Amino acid sequence: MNFRLVAAALFTFQFPACAAAQTPDLAAIARASGTPDIPGLKVVWLAPWGDLAKSHPWRNIIVHQTEGPAGSARGGAQAQSKNPTRRGVMVWVETDGTVYWAVAEHLVPTHGDGANRNDNKYIDNGPTYRQVVGNNSIGVEFAGNFPDVTRGPTEAQVAAWRILVKVLRARYGIPLDRVYAHNWIDYKDARYCEGCVLAKLAREWGE
């Protein structure tokens, strides 16, 4: 009987330690360079991470959704990689959850429309109006809402985003309240709220 109690106690003590050991240290991974393996994410590195100290001083994250069909993230990311400052984003996410890191961290793609929303429809636009713009914000583009622009992200995209947003925030020191949907800061297509579901999820998931 005593042996069983001791064994049960040892199991109870060891199980949390094992579980903790299996939890990936995203904060440590986020400080890496090159093409690190990020548990839970399939990343295609078109532009490897460099020296973090030399990256652009990113302050915000803007979530975009492209009207391209499923499978279009790869082509968009490849075109972005060849011409990094064209209209587009740094990171693209396919409908199957594959993440394409397309642009080196010290380069600034052209995205956003100048943070022209000031009606406080979704959030308080006082801190965002003309301030959350492409040259201080990481753009993340989710593909696949074509031909129905109201189609939300896939389950695989949501699962990838849960990890990706934590990695981005940890790497660049971006607070949770600086994760924005494109529609929150810019007047966009009235048919749908671009990026709103994903930005809202990120804030609900919290730290």
N, C-alpha and C. Protein backbone atom coordinates (compact mmCIF):
# COMPACT_ATOMS: atom_id res chain seq x y z
N MET A 1 0.84 -1.20 0.00
CA MET A 1 0.00 0.00 0.00
C MET A 1 0.87 1.25 0.00
N ASN A 2 1.89 1.23 0.87
CA ASN A 2 2.80 2.37 0.94
C ASN A 2 3.53 2.57 -0.39
N PHE A 3 3.90 1.45 -1.02
CA PHE A 3 4.59 1.54 -2.31
C PHE A 3 3.71 2.23 -3.35
N ARG A 4 2.43 1.88 -3.35
CA ARG A 4 1.50 2.48 -4.31
C ARG A 4 1.37 3.98 -4.08
N LEU A 5 1.31 4.37 -2.81
CA LEU A 5 1.20 5.80 -2.50
C LEU A 5 2.44 6.56 -2.94
N VAL A 6 3.62 5.96 -2.72
CA VAL A 6 4.86 6.60 -3.12
C VAL A 6 4.92 6.72 -4.64
N ALA A 7 4.53 5.64 -5.34
CA ALA A 7 4.56 5.65 -6.81
C ALA A 7 3.61 6.71 -7.35
N ALA A 8 2.42 6.79 -6.74
CA ALA A 8 1.45 7.78 -7.20
C ALA A 8 1.97 9.19 -6.98
N ALA A 9 2.62 9.40 -5.83
CA ALA A 9 3.17 10.72 -5.53
C ALA A 9 4.27 11.10 -6.51
N LEU A 10 5.13 10.14 -6.84
CA LEU A 10 6.20 10.39 -7.79
C LEU A 10 5.64 10.74 -9.16
N PHE A 11 4.60 10.00 -9.57
CA PHE A 11 3.99 10.27 -10.88
C PHE A 11 3.40 11.67 -10.91
N THR A 12 2.70 12.04 -9.83
CA THR A 12 2.09 13.37 -9.77
C THR A 12 3.14 14.46 -9.83
N PHE A 13 4.28 14.21 -9.20
CA PHE A 13 5.36 15.21 -9.19
C PHE A 13 6.04 15.31 -10.54
N GLN A 14 6.24 14.17 -11.19
CA GLN A 14 7.02 14.15 -12.42
C GLN A 14 6.21 14.58 -13.63
N PHE A 15 4.89 14.32 -13.62
CA PHE A 15 4.11 14.60 -14.82
C PHE A 15 4.13 16.06 -15.23
N PRO A 16 3.91 17.01 -14.29
CA PRO A 16 3.97 18.41 -14.71
C PRO A 16 5.34 18.80 -15.23
N ALA A 17 6.39 18.23 -14.64
CA ALA A 17 7.74 18.55 -15.10
C ALA A 17 7.94 18.09 -16.53
N CYS A 18 7.43 16.90 -16.85
CA CYS A 18 7.55 16.39 -18.22
C CYS A 18 6.76 17.26 -19.18
N ALA A 19 5.54 17.63 -18.75
CA ALA A 19 4.71 18.46 -19.61
C ALA A 19 5.37 19.79 -19.88
N ALA A 20 5.98 20.36 -18.83
CA ALA A 20 6.65 21.66 -18.99
C ALA A 20 7.83 21.53 -19.92
N ALA A 21 8.53 20.38 -19.82
CA ALA A 21 9.72 20.20 -20.66
C ALA A 21 9.33 20.11 -22.14
N GLN A 22 8.10 19.64 -22.41
CA GLN A 22 7.67 19.48 -23.79
C GLN A 22 7.11 20.77 -24.39
N THR A 23 6.83 21.77 -23.54
CA THR A 23 6.29 23.03 -24.04
C THR A 23 7.41 23.82 -24.70
N PRO A 24 7.25 24.19 -25.96
CA PRO A 24 8.33 24.91 -26.64
C PRO A 24 8.55 26.30 -26.05
N ASP A 25 9.80 26.69 -25.93
CA ASP A 25 10.15 28.01 -25.42
C ASP A 25 10.15 28.97 -26.59
N LEU A 26 8.97 29.52 -26.90
CA LEU A 26 8.85 30.39 -28.06
C LEU A 26 9.67 31.66 -27.89
N ALA A 27 9.82 32.11 -26.66
CA ALA A 27 10.61 33.32 -26.43
C ALA A 27 12.07 33.10 -26.82
N ALA A 28 12.61 31.92 -26.51
CA ALA A 28 13.99 31.61 -26.88
C ALA A 28 14.12 31.44 -28.39
N ILE A 29 13.16 30.74 -28.99
CA ILE A 29 13.17 30.56 -30.44
C ILE A 29 13.10 31.90 -31.15
N ALA A 30 12.32 32.82 -30.59
CA ALA A 30 12.12 34.12 -31.22
C ALA A 30 13.38 34.97 -31.23
N ARG A 31 14.38 34.61 -30.46
CA ARG A 31 15.64 35.36 -30.45
C ARG A 31 16.68 34.76 -31.40
N ALA A 32 16.29 33.72 -32.10
CA ALA A 32 17.24 33.01 -32.97
C ALA A 32 17.51 33.78 -34.25
N SER A 33 18.39 33.23 -35.06
CA SER A 33 18.63 33.74 -36.40
C SER A 33 18.63 32.54 -37.35
N GLY A 34 18.61 32.83 -38.64
CA GLY A 34 18.61 31.75 -39.61
C GLY A 34 17.20 31.26 -39.89
N THR A 35 17.03 29.94 -39.91
CA THR A 35 15.74 29.32 -40.24
C THR A 35 15.35 28.34 -39.14
N PRO A 36 15.01 28.83 -37.97
CA PRO A 36 14.74 27.93 -36.84
C PRO A 36 13.48 27.09 -37.05
N ASP A 37 13.47 25.92 -36.44
CA ASP A 37 12.26 25.11 -36.39
C ASP A 37 11.37 25.69 -35.30
N ILE A 38 10.13 25.98 -35.65
CA ILE A 38 9.17 26.52 -34.68
C ILE A 38 8.10 25.47 -34.48
N PRO A 39 8.08 24.80 -33.32
CA PRO A 39 7.11 23.72 -33.10
C PRO A 39 5.67 24.17 -33.37
N GLY A 40 4.98 23.36 -34.16
CA GLY A 40 3.60 23.66 -34.48
C GLY A 40 3.41 24.47 -35.74
N LEU A 41 4.51 24.97 -36.31
CA LEU A 41 4.42 25.77 -37.53
C LEU A 41 5.24 25.13 -38.65
N LYS A 42 4.68 25.15 -39.85
CA LYS A 42 5.46 24.82 -41.03
C LYS A 42 5.83 26.14 -41.69
N VAL A 43 7.11 26.49 -41.64
CA VAL A 43 7.57 27.76 -42.18
C VAL A 43 8.45 27.52 -43.40
N VAL A 44 8.12 28.18 -44.49
CA VAL A 44 8.96 28.19 -45.69
C VAL A 44 9.74 29.49 -45.65
N TRP A 45 11.05 29.38 -45.48
CA TRP A 45 11.89 30.55 -45.28
C TRP A 45 12.42 31.07 -46.62
N LEU A 46 11.73 32.02 -47.20
CA LEU A 46 12.25 32.68 -48.40
C LEU A 46 13.25 33.76 -48.01
N ALA A 47 13.16 34.24 -46.79
CA ALA A 47 14.10 35.22 -46.24
C ALA A 47 14.38 34.82 -44.80
N PRO A 48 15.55 34.26 -44.52
CA PRO A 48 15.87 33.83 -43.15
C PRO A 48 15.94 35.00 -42.19
N TRP A 49 15.77 34.71 -40.91
CA TRP A 49 15.98 35.72 -39.88
C TRP A 49 17.44 36.13 -39.85
N GLY A 50 17.68 37.40 -39.61
CA GLY A 50 19.04 37.88 -39.47
C GLY A 50 19.35 38.23 -38.03
N ASP A 51 20.29 39.14 -37.85
CA ASP A 51 20.63 39.64 -36.51
C ASP A 51 19.48 40.50 -36.04
N LEU A 52 18.85 40.11 -34.94
CA LEU A 52 17.67 40.82 -34.46
C LEU A 52 17.98 42.29 -34.17
N ALA A 53 19.18 42.57 -33.73
CA ALA A 53 19.55 43.96 -33.42
C ALA A 53 19.54 44.85 -34.66
N LYS A 54 19.63 44.24 -35.84
CA LYS A 54 19.68 45.02 -37.08
C LYS A 54 18.35 45.04 -37.82
N SER A 55 17.31 44.46 -37.22
CA SER A 55 16.02 44.45 -37.88
C SER A 55 15.37 45.83 -37.80
N HIS A 56 14.39 46.05 -38.65
CA HIS A 56 13.64 47.30 -38.62
C HIS A 56 12.91 47.40 -37.27
N PRO A 57 12.73 48.58 -36.72
CA PRO A 57 12.05 48.71 -35.41
C PRO A 57 10.53 48.56 -35.53
N TRP A 58 10.09 47.32 -35.64
CA TRP A 58 8.66 47.06 -35.80
C TRP A 58 7.91 47.33 -34.50
N ARG A 59 6.76 48.00 -34.60
CA ARG A 59 6.00 48.38 -33.41
C ARG A 59 4.59 47.79 -33.38
N ASN A 60 4.09 47.36 -34.54
CA ASN A 60 2.71 46.88 -34.63
C ASN A 60 2.64 45.66 -35.54
N ILE A 61 1.50 44.97 -35.49
CA ILE A 61 1.20 43.88 -36.41
C ILE A 61 -0.15 44.18 -37.04
N ILE A 62 -0.23 44.12 -38.35
CA ILE A 62 -1.49 44.33 -39.06
C ILE A 62 -1.87 43.04 -39.78
N VAL A 63 -3.09 42.56 -39.51
CA VAL A 63 -3.58 41.33 -40.12
C VAL A 63 -4.37 41.67 -41.38
N HIS A 64 -3.94 41.08 -42.50
CA HIS A 64 -4.59 41.28 -43.80
C HIS A 64 -5.21 39.97 -44.28
N GLN A 65 -6.19 40.09 -45.18
CA GLN A 65 -6.71 38.92 -45.89
C GLN A 65 -6.77 39.26 -47.38
N THR A 66 -6.15 38.42 -48.17
CA THR A 66 -6.13 38.65 -49.61
C THR A 66 -7.31 37.95 -50.27
N GLU A 67 -7.75 38.50 -51.39
CA GLU A 67 -8.85 37.87 -52.12
C GLU A 67 -8.35 36.80 -53.08
N GLY A 68 -7.13 36.37 -52.92
CA GLY A 68 -6.62 35.28 -53.75
C GLY A 68 -7.23 33.96 -53.35
N PRO A 69 -7.26 33.00 -54.27
CA PRO A 69 -7.80 31.67 -53.96
C PRO A 69 -6.85 30.87 -53.09
N ALA A 70 -7.32 29.73 -52.61
CA ALA A 70 -6.46 28.81 -51.88
C ALA A 70 -5.25 28.47 -52.74
N GLY A 71 -4.08 28.47 -52.15
CA GLY A 71 -2.86 28.19 -52.89
C GLY A 71 -2.13 29.42 -53.37
N SER A 72 -2.72 30.60 -53.17
CA SER A 72 -2.11 31.83 -53.70
C SER A 72 -1.05 32.44 -52.80
N ALA A 73 -0.97 32.00 -51.55
CA ALA A 73 0.02 32.59 -50.63
C ALA A 73 1.44 32.32 -51.12
N ARG A 74 1.67 31.15 -51.64
CA ARG A 74 3.01 30.80 -52.12
C ARG A 74 3.46 31.74 -53.22
N GLY A 75 2.59 31.95 -54.23
CA GLY A 75 2.95 32.84 -55.33
C GLY A 75 3.12 34.27 -54.86
N GLY A 76 2.24 34.71 -53.96
CA GLY A 76 2.35 36.06 -53.44
C GLY A 76 3.64 36.27 -52.68
N ALA A 77 3.99 35.28 -51.87
CA ALA A 77 5.22 35.38 -51.08
C ALA A 77 6.46 35.36 -51.98
N GLN A 78 6.43 34.52 -53.01
CA GLN A 78 7.59 34.46 -53.92
C GLN A 78 7.77 35.77 -54.67
N ALA A 79 6.67 36.37 -55.12
CA ALA A 79 6.75 37.66 -55.80
C ALA A 79 7.25 38.74 -54.84
N GLN A 80 6.80 38.65 -53.60
CA GLN A 80 7.23 39.62 -52.59
C GLN A 80 8.72 39.47 -52.31
N SER A 81 9.18 38.23 -52.26
CA SER A 81 10.59 37.97 -51.99
C SER A 81 11.49 38.55 -53.07
N LYS A 82 11.02 38.50 -54.33
CA LYS A 82 11.81 39.03 -55.45
C LYS A 82 11.80 40.56 -55.48
N ASN A 83 10.74 41.16 -54.96
CA ASN A 83 10.61 42.61 -54.93
C ASN A 83 10.07 43.02 -53.57
N PRO A 84 10.91 43.01 -52.54
CA PRO A 84 10.45 43.12 -51.16
C PRO A 84 9.63 44.35 -50.83
N THR A 85 9.90 45.47 -51.48
CA THR A 85 9.20 46.70 -51.10
C THR A 85 7.94 46.95 -51.92
N ARG A 86 7.56 45.99 -52.78
CA ARG A 86 6.29 46.12 -53.52
C ARG A 86 5.13 46.10 -52.54
N ARG A 87 3.92 46.38 -53.07
CA ARG A 87 2.74 46.33 -52.20
C ARG A 87 2.51 44.88 -51.78
N GLY A 88 2.54 44.66 -50.51
CA GLY A 88 2.41 43.32 -49.96
C GLY A 88 2.91 43.31 -48.52
N VAL A 89 3.27 42.13 -48.05
CA VAL A 89 3.60 41.99 -46.63
C VAL A 89 4.86 41.14 -46.42
N MET A 90 5.28 41.08 -45.18
CA MET A 90 6.45 40.29 -44.81
C MET A 90 6.13 38.80 -44.71
N VAL A 91 4.94 38.47 -44.17
CA VAL A 91 4.60 37.09 -43.86
C VAL A 91 3.26 36.74 -44.51
N TRP A 92 3.22 35.58 -45.16
CA TRP A 92 2.01 35.10 -45.84
C TRP A 92 1.61 33.75 -45.23
N VAL A 93 0.30 33.53 -45.10
CA VAL A 93 -0.18 32.28 -44.50
C VAL A 93 -1.19 31.63 -45.44
N GLU A 94 -0.88 30.40 -45.85
CA GLU A 94 -1.73 29.65 -46.78
C GLU A 94 -2.91 29.02 -46.03
N THR A 95 -3.92 28.57 -46.78
CA THR A 95 -5.11 27.98 -46.17
C THR A 95 -4.79 26.70 -45.40
N ASP A 96 -3.70 26.02 -45.74
CA ASP A 96 -3.32 24.81 -45.01
C ASP A 96 -2.46 25.13 -43.79
N GLY A 97 -2.26 26.42 -43.51
CA GLY A 97 -1.48 26.83 -42.34
C GLY A 97 0.00 27.04 -42.60
N THR A 98 0.47 26.75 -43.82
CA THR A 98 1.89 26.98 -44.14
C THR A 98 2.20 28.47 -44.09
N VAL A 99 3.28 28.80 -43.41
CA VAL A 99 3.71 30.20 -43.27
C VAL A 99 4.89 30.45 -44.21
N TYR A 100 4.79 31.49 -45.01
CA TYR A 100 5.88 31.89 -45.90
C TYR A 100 6.48 33.19 -45.38
N TRP A 101 7.75 33.12 -44.95
CA TRP A 101 8.44 34.33 -44.51
C TRP A 101 9.14 34.90 -45.74
N ALA A 102 8.59 35.98 -46.28
CA ALA A 102 8.98 36.42 -47.62
C ALA A 102 10.02 37.52 -47.66
N VAL A 103 10.12 38.33 -46.60
CA VAL A 103 10.94 39.54 -46.68
C VAL A 103 11.89 39.61 -45.48
N ALA A 104 13.12 40.02 -45.75
CA ALA A 104 14.09 40.20 -44.67
C ALA A 104 13.60 41.27 -43.69
N GLU A 105 13.96 41.09 -42.43
CA GLU A 105 13.40 41.91 -41.35
C GLU A 105 13.79 43.39 -41.40
N HIS A 106 14.84 43.71 -42.13
CA HIS A 106 15.27 45.12 -42.17
C HIS A 106 14.63 45.87 -43.33
N LEU A 107 13.87 45.16 -44.16
CA LEU A 107 13.21 45.79 -45.31
C LEU A 107 11.73 46.05 -45.00
N VAL A 108 11.15 47.04 -45.67
CA VAL A 108 9.78 47.46 -45.37
C VAL A 108 8.90 47.34 -46.61
N PRO A 109 8.03 46.32 -46.65
CA PRO A 109 7.07 46.22 -47.76
C PRO A 109 6.05 47.36 -47.71
N THR A 110 5.36 47.58 -48.81
CA THR A 110 4.32 48.60 -48.87
C THR A 110 2.97 47.96 -48.56
N HIS A 111 2.38 48.32 -47.44
CA HIS A 111 1.05 47.80 -47.10
C HIS A 111 0.37 48.79 -46.17
N GLY A 112 -0.92 48.60 -45.97
CA GLY A 112 -1.69 49.56 -45.20
C GLY A 112 -2.06 50.75 -46.07
N ASP A 113 -3.04 51.50 -45.63
CA ASP A 113 -3.52 52.64 -46.40
C ASP A 113 -3.36 53.96 -45.65
N GLY A 114 -2.40 53.98 -44.75
CA GLY A 114 -2.11 55.24 -44.06
C GLY A 114 -2.85 55.44 -42.77
N ALA A 115 -3.48 54.37 -42.25
CA ALA A 115 -4.21 54.47 -40.98
C ALA A 115 -5.20 55.63 -41.02
N ASN A 116 -6.09 55.59 -42.01
CA ASN A 116 -6.99 56.72 -42.23
C ASN A 116 -8.33 56.61 -41.50
N ARG A 117 -8.56 55.50 -40.77
CA ARG A 117 -9.83 55.37 -40.05
C ARG A 117 -9.76 56.14 -38.74
N ASN A 118 -10.77 56.97 -38.50
CA ASN A 118 -10.81 57.75 -37.26
C ASN A 118 -12.22 57.84 -36.69
N ASP A 119 -13.04 56.79 -36.97
CA ASP A 119 -14.43 56.81 -36.52
C ASP A 119 -14.68 55.98 -35.26
N ASN A 120 -13.61 55.34 -34.75
CA ASN A 120 -13.73 54.51 -33.53
C ASN A 120 -14.76 53.39 -33.68
N LYS A 121 -14.98 52.91 -34.88
CA LYS A 121 -16.00 51.89 -35.12
C LYS A 121 -15.65 50.56 -34.46
N TYR A 122 -14.39 50.17 -34.55
CA TYR A 122 -13.97 48.88 -34.00
C TYR A 122 -13.14 49.02 -32.74
N ILE A 123 -12.25 49.98 -32.74
CA ILE A 123 -11.38 50.26 -31.60
C ILE A 123 -11.25 51.77 -31.47
N ASP A 124 -10.61 52.20 -30.41
CA ASP A 124 -10.29 53.62 -30.27
C ASP A 124 -9.21 53.97 -31.28
N ASN A 125 -9.54 54.81 -32.23
CA ASN A 125 -8.57 55.16 -33.27
C ASN A 125 -7.67 56.33 -32.90
N GLY A 126 -7.82 56.82 -31.68
CA GLY A 126 -6.93 57.89 -31.23
C GLY A 126 -5.46 57.52 -31.34
N PRO A 127 -5.07 56.33 -30.86
CA PRO A 127 -3.66 55.93 -30.94
C PRO A 127 -3.23 55.42 -32.31
N THR A 128 -4.20 55.18 -33.24
CA THR A 128 -3.86 54.56 -34.52
C THR A 128 -3.90 55.52 -35.70
N TYR A 129 -4.71 56.55 -35.62
CA TYR A 129 -4.94 57.43 -36.77
C TYR A 129 -3.63 58.06 -37.26
N ARG A 130 -3.28 57.73 -38.50
CA ARG A 130 -2.05 58.18 -39.15
C ARG A 130 -0.78 57.73 -38.44
N GLN A 131 -0.92 56.75 -37.56
CA GLN A 131 0.24 56.31 -36.77
C GLN A 131 0.61 54.84 -36.99
N VAL A 132 -0.40 53.97 -37.20
CA VAL A 132 -0.13 52.55 -37.44
C VAL A 132 -0.07 52.35 -38.94
N VAL A 133 1.12 52.46 -39.48
CA VAL A 133 1.31 52.47 -40.94
C VAL A 133 2.32 51.41 -41.35
N GLY A 134 2.49 51.26 -42.66
CA GLY A 134 3.33 50.20 -43.18
C GLY A 134 4.77 50.23 -42.71
N ASN A 135 5.32 51.43 -42.51
CA ASN A 135 6.74 51.48 -42.16
C ASN A 135 7.02 51.22 -40.69
N ASN A 136 5.99 50.99 -39.89
CA ASN A 136 6.26 50.58 -38.50
C ASN A 136 5.47 49.33 -38.11
N SER A 137 4.87 48.67 -39.11
CA SER A 137 3.99 47.55 -38.82
C SER A 137 4.33 46.32 -39.65
N ILE A 138 4.38 45.17 -39.00
CA ILE A 138 4.55 43.90 -39.71
C ILE A 138 3.21 43.51 -40.31
N GLY A 139 3.19 43.24 -41.60
CA GLY A 139 1.97 42.79 -42.25
C GLY A 139 1.96 41.27 -42.37
N VAL A 140 0.83 40.66 -42.01
CA VAL A 140 0.64 39.22 -42.15
C VAL A 140 -0.59 39.01 -43.03
N GLU A 141 -0.40 38.34 -44.15
CA GLU A 141 -1.47 38.16 -45.15
C GLU A 141 -1.98 36.73 -45.12
N PHE A 142 -3.30 36.58 -44.91
CA PHE A 142 -3.95 35.27 -44.93
C PHE A 142 -4.68 35.10 -46.25
N ALA A 143 -4.33 34.07 -47.00
CA ALA A 143 -4.89 33.83 -48.33
C ALA A 143 -6.17 33.01 -48.24
N GLY A 144 -6.99 33.09 -49.32
CA GLY A 144 -8.04 32.11 -49.50
C GLY A 144 -9.47 32.57 -49.44
N ASN A 145 -9.74 33.88 -49.31
CA ASN A 145 -11.16 34.27 -49.25
C ASN A 145 -11.68 34.71 -50.62
N PHE A 146 -11.45 33.85 -51.60
CA PHE A 146 -11.96 34.07 -52.96
C PHE A 146 -12.72 32.82 -53.40
N PRO A 147 -13.87 32.94 -54.01
CA PRO A 147 -14.53 34.16 -54.50
C PRO A 147 -15.41 34.84 -53.47
N ASP A 148 -15.54 34.26 -52.27
CA ASP A 148 -16.40 34.84 -51.23
C ASP A 148 -15.54 35.58 -50.22
N VAL A 149 -15.53 36.90 -50.29
CA VAL A 149 -14.66 37.68 -49.41
C VAL A 149 -15.08 37.59 -47.95
N THR A 150 -16.31 37.15 -47.69
CA THR A 150 -16.76 37.03 -46.30
C THR A 150 -16.31 35.73 -45.65
N ARG A 151 -15.67 34.86 -46.44
CA ARG A 151 -15.20 33.59 -45.89
C ARG A 151 -14.10 33.84 -44.87
N GLY A 152 -14.23 33.23 -43.72
CA GLY A 152 -13.24 33.42 -42.66
C GLY A 152 -12.01 32.56 -42.86
N PRO A 153 -11.04 32.68 -41.96
CA PRO A 153 -9.83 31.87 -42.05
C PRO A 153 -10.15 30.40 -41.80
N THR A 154 -9.30 29.53 -42.34
CA THR A 154 -9.47 28.10 -42.12
C THR A 154 -9.00 27.73 -40.71
N GLU A 155 -9.39 26.53 -40.28
CA GLU A 155 -8.93 26.05 -38.97
C GLU A 155 -7.41 25.97 -38.93
N ALA A 156 -6.81 25.56 -40.05
CA ALA A 156 -5.34 25.46 -40.10
C ALA A 156 -4.70 26.85 -39.97
N GLN A 157 -5.30 27.84 -40.58
CA GLN A 157 -4.77 29.20 -40.47
C GLN A 157 -4.89 29.72 -39.04
N VAL A 158 -6.01 29.44 -38.41
CA VAL A 158 -6.19 29.88 -37.02
C VAL A 158 -5.16 29.21 -36.11
N ALA A 159 -4.93 27.91 -36.33
CA ALA A 159 -3.95 27.19 -35.51
C ALA A 159 -2.55 27.75 -35.73
N ALA A 160 -2.20 28.05 -36.97
CA ALA A 160 -0.89 28.63 -37.26
C ALA A 160 -0.77 30.03 -36.64
N TRP A 161 -1.82 30.80 -36.73
CA TRP A 161 -1.82 32.16 -36.20
C TRP A 161 -1.62 32.18 -34.69
N ARG A 162 -2.20 31.20 -33.99
CA ARG A 162 -2.06 31.13 -32.54
C ARG A 162 -0.58 31.11 -32.13
N ILE A 163 0.23 30.41 -32.92
CA ILE A 163 1.66 30.32 -32.62
C ILE A 163 2.41 31.50 -33.23
N LEU A 164 2.09 31.82 -34.48
CA LEU A 164 2.81 32.86 -35.20
C LEU A 164 2.72 34.20 -34.51
N VAL A 165 1.55 34.57 -34.03
CA VAL A 165 1.41 35.89 -33.40
C VAL A 165 2.25 35.97 -32.12
N LYS A 166 2.37 34.86 -31.41
CA LYS A 166 3.20 34.86 -30.21
C LYS A 166 4.68 35.01 -30.57
N VAL A 167 5.09 34.34 -31.64
CA VAL A 167 6.48 34.44 -32.07
C VAL A 167 6.81 35.86 -32.52
N LEU A 168 5.93 36.46 -33.32
CA LEU A 168 6.16 37.83 -33.78
C LEU A 168 6.23 38.81 -32.62
N ARG A 169 5.31 38.67 -31.69
CA ARG A 169 5.29 39.58 -30.55
C ARG A 169 6.54 39.41 -29.69
N ALA A 170 6.95 38.15 -29.49
CA ALA A 170 8.13 37.90 -28.67
C ALA A 170 9.40 38.41 -29.36
N ARG A 171 9.50 38.21 -30.66
CA ARG A 171 10.72 38.59 -31.36
C ARG A 171 10.90 40.11 -31.40
N TYR A 172 9.82 40.83 -31.61
CA TYR A 172 9.94 42.27 -31.81
C TYR A 172 9.42 43.10 -30.63
N GLY A 173 9.03 42.43 -29.55
CA GLY A 173 8.58 43.15 -28.37
C GLY A 173 7.32 43.96 -28.61
N ILE A 174 6.37 43.38 -29.32
CA ILE A 174 5.13 44.09 -29.67
C ILE A 174 4.04 43.75 -28.66
N PRO A 175 3.47 44.75 -28.00
CA PRO A 175 2.40 44.50 -27.03
C PRO A 175 1.15 43.94 -27.69
N LEU A 176 0.36 43.24 -26.91
CA LEU A 176 -0.85 42.62 -27.43
C LEU A 176 -1.81 43.64 -28.03
N ASP A 177 -1.90 44.82 -27.42
CA ASP A 177 -2.85 45.81 -27.92
C ASP A 177 -2.38 46.53 -29.17
N ARG A 178 -1.25 46.08 -29.73
CA ARG A 178 -0.79 46.61 -31.00
C ARG A 178 -0.90 45.58 -32.12
N VAL A 179 -1.78 44.61 -31.93
CA VAL A 179 -2.16 43.68 -32.98
C VAL A 179 -3.48 44.18 -33.56
N TYR A 180 -3.49 44.54 -34.82
CA TYR A 180 -4.65 45.19 -35.43
C TYR A 180 -5.13 44.44 -36.67
N ALA A 181 -6.44 44.45 -36.87
CA ALA A 181 -7.01 44.07 -38.15
C ALA A 181 -6.87 45.24 -39.10
N HIS A 182 -6.67 44.96 -40.38
CA HIS A 182 -6.55 46.04 -41.36
C HIS A 182 -7.78 46.95 -41.33
N ASN A 183 -8.94 46.33 -41.16
CA ASN A 183 -10.17 47.11 -41.17
C ASN A 183 -10.34 47.99 -39.92
N TRP A 184 -9.60 47.67 -38.86
CA TRP A 184 -9.69 48.48 -37.64
C TRP A 184 -9.01 49.84 -37.82
N ILE A 185 -8.03 49.89 -38.71
CA ILE A 185 -7.24 51.12 -38.80
C ILE A 185 -7.40 51.83 -40.14
N ASP A 186 -7.98 51.15 -41.14
CA ASP A 186 -8.18 51.75 -42.45
C ASP A 186 -9.61 51.52 -42.91
N TYR A 187 -10.15 52.46 -43.67
CA TYR A 187 -11.44 52.25 -44.32
C TYR A 187 -11.21 51.26 -45.47
N LYS A 188 -11.90 50.12 -45.39
CA LYS A 188 -11.66 49.04 -46.34
C LYS A 188 -12.96 48.64 -47.04
N ASP A 189 -12.90 47.50 -47.70
CA ASP A 189 -14.04 46.94 -48.41
C ASP A 189 -15.22 46.76 -47.45
N ALA A 190 -16.35 47.39 -47.78
CA ALA A 190 -17.51 47.35 -46.88
C ALA A 190 -18.18 45.98 -46.83
N ARG A 191 -17.81 45.08 -47.75
CA ARG A 191 -18.45 43.76 -47.77
C ARG A 191 -18.03 42.87 -46.61
N TYR A 192 -16.87 43.13 -46.02
CA TYR A 192 -16.38 42.27 -44.94
C TYR A 192 -15.40 43.06 -44.09
N CYS A 193 -15.06 42.48 -42.95
CA CYS A 193 -14.13 43.13 -42.03
C CYS A 193 -12.78 42.43 -42.14
N GLU A 194 -11.89 43.02 -42.90
CA GLU A 194 -10.62 42.36 -43.22
C GLU A 194 -9.72 42.19 -41.99
N GLY A 195 -9.42 40.95 -41.69
CA GLY A 195 -8.51 40.63 -40.59
C GLY A 195 -9.12 40.67 -39.21
N CYS A 196 -10.41 41.01 -39.11
CA CYS A 196 -11.01 41.24 -37.80
C CYS A 196 -11.09 39.98 -36.94
N VAL A 197 -11.47 38.86 -37.54
CA VAL A 197 -11.58 37.62 -36.78
C VAL A 197 -10.24 37.24 -36.17
N LEU A 198 -9.19 37.32 -36.97
CA LEU A 198 -7.87 36.89 -36.50
C LEU A 198 -7.29 37.86 -35.47
N ALA A 199 -7.46 39.14 -35.67
CA ALA A 199 -6.96 40.11 -34.69
C ALA A 199 -7.70 39.97 -33.37
N LYS A 200 -9.01 39.76 -33.46
CA LYS A 200 -9.80 39.59 -32.25
C LYS A 200 -9.38 38.32 -31.50
N LEU A 201 -9.14 37.24 -32.24
CA LEU A 201 -8.68 36.01 -31.60
C LEU A 201 -7.36 36.21 -30.88
N ALA A 202 -6.43 36.91 -31.53
CA ALA A 202 -5.13 37.15 -30.90
C ALA A 202 -5.29 37.86 -29.57
N ARG A 203 -6.16 38.84 -29.53
CA ARG A 203 -6.36 39.59 -28.29
C ARG A 203 -7.08 38.75 -27.24
N GLU A 204 -7.99 37.89 -27.69
CA GLU A 204 -8.70 37.01 -26.76
C GLU A 204 -7.76 35.95 -26.17
N TRP A 205 -6.83 35.45 -27.00
CA TRP A 205 -5.87 34.47 -26.49
C TRP A 205 -4.96 35.07 -25.43
N GLY A 206 -4.71 36.36 -25.53
CA GLY A 206 -3.91 37.06 -24.53
C GLY A 206 -2.45 36.69 -24.56
N GLU A 207 -1.80 36.88 -23.44
CA GLU A 207 -0.35 36.69 -23.35
C GLU A 207 0.02 35.21 -23.40
